[in-house]
Protein backbone atom coordinates (compact mmCIF):
# COMPACT_ATOMS: atom_id res chain seq x y z
CA MET A 1 -43.66 115.36 29.75
CA ASP A 2 -46.80 117.31 30.58
CA PRO A 3 -49.87 115.71 32.29
CA VAL A 4 -51.72 115.11 29.02
CA GLU A 5 -48.78 113.16 27.61
CA CYS A 6 -48.60 111.04 30.80
CA ASN A 7 -52.20 110.00 30.43
CA ASN A 8 -51.49 108.61 26.96
CA VAL A 9 -48.68 106.33 28.09
CA THR A 10 -49.69 102.77 28.95
CA PRO A 11 -48.06 101.06 31.96
CA PHE A 12 -46.20 98.59 29.75
CA ARG A 13 -44.98 101.33 27.38
CA TRP A 14 -43.79 103.26 30.41
CA LEU A 15 -42.09 100.15 31.72
CA ARG A 16 -40.18 99.59 28.46
CA THR A 17 -39.13 103.24 28.27
CA GLY A 18 -38.23 103.30 31.95
CA LEU A 19 -36.10 100.16 31.62
CA SER A 20 -34.16 101.61 28.69
CA ASN A 21 -33.51 104.87 30.48
CA THR A 22 -32.74 103.13 33.75
CA TRP A 23 -30.09 100.82 32.35
CA ARG A 24 -28.51 103.75 30.48
CA ASP A 25 -28.28 105.79 33.67
CA SER A 26 -27.71 102.88 36.07
CA ARG A 27 -24.31 104.08 37.22
CA SER A 28 -25.73 107.37 38.43
CA ARG A 29 -29.07 106.03 39.67
CA PRO A 30 -28.62 102.51 41.16
CA ALA A 31 -31.69 102.90 43.39
CA THR A 32 -33.92 103.28 40.33
CA VAL A 33 -32.64 99.98 38.95
CA CYS A 34 -33.76 98.21 42.13
CA VAL A 35 -37.21 99.79 41.93
CA VAL A 36 -37.74 98.67 38.33
CA LEU A 37 -36.50 95.14 39.04
CA GLY A 38 -38.86 94.95 41.97
CA LEU A 39 -41.72 96.04 39.71
CA LEU A 40 -40.85 93.28 37.26
CA LEU A 41 -41.08 90.70 40.05
CA VAL A 42 -44.51 91.99 41.04
CA LEU A 43 -45.81 91.86 37.48
CA SER A 44 -44.44 88.36 36.81
CA PRO A 45 -47.00 85.56 37.35
CA ALA A 46 -46.32 83.40 40.39
CA ALA A 47 -45.74 79.69 39.88
CA PRO A 48 -48.87 77.70 40.80
CA ALA A 49 -48.67 75.87 44.12
CA ARG A 50 -49.21 72.11 44.03
CA PRO A 51 -50.86 70.74 47.16
CA ASP A 52 -49.28 67.48 48.26
CA ASN A 53 -50.01 67.16 51.92
CA PRO A 54 -48.64 64.19 53.93
CA VAL A 55 -51.09 62.75 56.47
CA GLU A 56 -50.63 60.07 59.13
CA LEU A 57 -53.57 58.27 60.72
CA GLN A 58 -53.33 55.25 63.02
CA GLY A 59 -50.05 54.05 61.54
CA LEU A 60 -51.16 54.64 57.94
CA CYS A 61 -49.61 57.35 55.77
CA PHE A 62 -50.82 58.93 52.53
CA ARG A 63 -50.66 62.14 50.55
CA SER A 64 -53.70 64.27 49.82
CA PRO A 65 -54.07 66.52 46.75
CA VAL A 66 -56.23 68.90 48.82
CA ALA A 67 -55.70 70.42 52.23
CA LEU A 68 -57.08 68.40 55.14
CA SER A 69 -57.49 69.39 58.76
CA ASN A 70 -55.07 68.20 61.42
CA PRO A 71 -56.06 64.78 62.80
CA LYS A 72 -58.42 65.10 65.76
CA PRO A 73 -59.77 62.45 68.12
CA VAL A 74 -63.43 61.57 67.60
CA GLY A 75 -63.77 58.68 70.03
CA LEU A 76 -61.91 55.79 71.60
CA ASP A 77 -59.00 54.86 69.30
CA ALA A 78 -60.51 56.96 66.49
CA VAL A 79 -59.17 60.03 64.67
CA MET A 80 -60.51 62.07 61.77
CA VAL A 81 -59.36 64.56 59.13
CA ALA A 82 -61.72 66.73 57.10
CA HIS A 83 -61.89 69.05 54.10
CA PRO A 84 -61.97 71.97 54.08
CA PRO A 85 -59.83 72.50 57.18
CA GLY A 86 -61.62 74.40 59.91
CA ALA A 87 -65.11 73.61 58.63
CA ASP A 88 -67.80 72.54 61.08
CA ALA A 89 -69.65 69.25 60.64
CA GLN A 90 -72.42 70.90 58.61
CA SER A 91 -69.95 72.52 56.19
CA GLU A 92 -67.54 69.61 55.72
CA ARG A 93 -67.38 68.30 52.17
CA PHE A 94 -65.23 65.29 52.99
CA SER A 95 -63.94 63.43 56.03
CA LEU A 96 -61.81 60.37 56.67
CA THR A 97 -62.13 58.56 59.98
CA ALA A 98 -59.61 55.91 61.05
CA VAL A 99 -60.52 53.56 63.90
CA HIS A 100 -57.89 51.26 65.41
CA PHE A 101 -58.78 47.79 66.71
CA PRO A 102 -56.19 45.79 68.69
CA LEU A 103 -55.84 42.03 68.45
CA VAL A 104 -57.97 41.47 71.54
CA VAL A 105 -60.97 42.77 69.57
CA THR A 106 -60.41 40.67 66.48
CA ASP A 107 -58.34 37.60 67.37
CA THR A 108 -60.20 36.09 70.29
CA LYS A 109 -62.94 33.48 70.38
CA ALA A 110 -65.57 36.17 70.72
CA GLY A 111 -63.75 38.63 68.43
CA MET A 112 -65.47 40.77 65.82
CA THR A 113 -65.39 39.76 62.17
CA THR A 114 -64.34 42.13 59.40
CA ALA A 115 -67.97 42.69 58.45
CA GLU A 116 -68.85 43.47 62.07
CA LEU A 117 -66.02 45.97 62.30
CA ARG A 118 -67.28 47.75 59.18
CA ASP A 119 -70.84 47.83 60.50
CA TYR A 120 -69.65 49.16 63.86
CA VAL A 121 -67.70 52.05 62.32
CA ALA A 122 -70.48 52.82 59.86
CA THR A 123 -73.02 53.07 62.66
CA VAL A 124 -71.03 54.66 65.49
CA PHE A 125 -68.79 57.08 63.58
CA LEU A 126 -70.49 57.78 60.24
CA ALA A 127 -74.19 57.89 61.17
CA GLY A 128 -75.01 54.95 58.93
CA GLN A 129 -77.46 52.13 59.49
CA ALA A 130 -76.07 48.69 60.36
CA LYS A 131 -76.81 46.00 57.77
CA GLU A 132 -77.87 48.65 55.22
CA GLY A 133 -75.27 49.12 52.52
CA THR A 134 -73.89 47.95 49.22
CA PRO A 135 -70.74 45.82 48.83
CA ILE A 136 -67.84 47.71 47.25
CA GLN A 137 -64.16 47.08 46.62
CA ARG A 138 -61.07 49.28 46.41
CA ARG A 139 -57.37 48.56 46.10
CA LEU A 140 -55.80 49.56 49.42
CA LEU A 141 -52.33 48.67 50.66
CA GLU A 142 -51.78 46.83 47.36
CA ASN A 143 -54.72 44.50 48.00
CA LEU A 144 -58.29 44.45 46.74
CA VAL A 145 -60.30 45.11 49.92
CA ASP A 146 -64.02 44.52 50.45
CA GLY A 147 -65.95 47.48 51.74
CA LEU A 148 -69.42 48.81 52.45
CA ALA A 149 -71.03 51.81 50.72
CA PHE A 150 -74.08 53.56 52.11
CA SER A 151 -75.83 56.92 52.38
CA THR A 152 -76.84 58.99 55.39
CA PRO A 153 -78.77 62.24 55.85
CA ILE A 154 -76.70 63.25 58.92
CA PRO A 155 -75.55 66.03 59.24
CA ALA A 156 -76.23 66.66 55.52
CA PRO A 157 -77.09 64.29 52.65
CA SER A 158 -73.88 62.27 52.37
CA LEU A 159 -72.35 59.09 50.98
CA ALA A 160 -69.84 56.91 52.78
CA GLU A 161 -67.50 53.96 52.29
CA VAL A 162 -65.95 51.76 54.98
CA TYR A 163 -62.98 49.38 54.69
CA ALA A 164 -61.19 47.21 57.26
CA LEU A 165 -57.43 46.93 56.73
CA ARG A 166 -55.25 44.29 58.36
CA LEU A 167 -51.82 45.72 59.20
CA GLN A 168 -48.52 43.87 59.25
CA ASN A 169 -48.71 43.60 63.06
CA ARG A 170 -52.11 41.85 62.55
CA GLU A 171 -54.02 44.70 64.15
CA THR A 172 -56.86 46.30 62.18
CA VAL A 173 -57.61 49.87 61.13
CA VAL A 174 -61.04 50.62 59.68
CA LEU A 175 -61.17 53.58 57.30
CA GLY A 176 -64.43 55.45 56.85
CA PHE A 177 -64.70 57.91 53.96
CA LYS A 178 -67.66 60.26 54.11
CA PHE A 179 -68.54 63.01 51.64
CA ARG A 180 -71.44 65.24 50.71
CA SER A 181 -73.69 63.97 47.92
CA ASP A 182 -73.12 67.17 45.93
CA TRP A 183 -69.33 66.69 46.15
CA ARG A 184 -69.28 63.13 44.84
CA SER A 185 -67.07 63.65 41.78
CA GLU A 186 -64.41 65.55 43.72
CA ALA A 187 -64.55 62.99 46.54
CA GLU A 188 -64.01 60.11 44.12
CA SER A 189 -60.84 61.77 42.82
CA LEU A 190 -59.66 62.43 46.37
CA ILE A 191 -60.30 58.88 47.59
CA THR A 192 -58.53 57.50 44.51
CA ALA A 193 -55.48 59.66 45.28
CA ILE A 194 -55.47 58.62 48.93
CA ALA A 195 -55.81 54.94 48.02
CA ALA A 196 -52.96 55.16 45.51
CA SER A 197 -50.51 56.62 48.06
CA LEU A 198 -51.72 54.75 51.15
CA GLN A 199 -49.13 52.66 52.98
CA GLU A 200 -48.07 51.71 56.45
CA CYS A 201 -45.89 54.43 57.92
CA SER A 202 -42.17 53.89 58.31
CA THR A 203 -39.43 55.92 59.96
CA ASP A 204 -38.19 57.32 56.63
CA GLN A 205 -41.59 58.76 55.63
CA PRO A 206 -42.46 62.47 56.16
């Protein structure tokens, strides 16, 4: 085949012709068979990956449909994960902070109430204003849990939700969801997925 004829052959026509010739001559040219099979694998579309990332925070486990950063400490008895992983505070679209409170904080005569725990986490960890928020509810750990929703301009215009969860050992973990205002729809889907899979961790979980 001269150069002009080569230019008129499409890749897929060449592939069909090459396959026919290759299988016919496979006994004498086994290496060519491997090359063509390798080309077929390259041209075949890859199966889409389905993110399903297990996360553990303060004794709570859930699965996230998007990649989150590794948990990192952000204060006393507090850890946080964020999306996208590796983003700085200004570039984060979403974060989830979990703050653990032992019984001495909640079950003493001078202990903090659930509302006070929410206000504390909203103010100290999520840059919110105490006493400024809207009541909200979500189903978490198979219970309808009261929460607090508010907005904050720090470090970028953001919305946040805070919930206090009582664990089986009677200790409390407060979850604070925070997301950029321009990522609200995506954040709602993400929080819904987290809430649906949220449970206390056990030894047989990933």
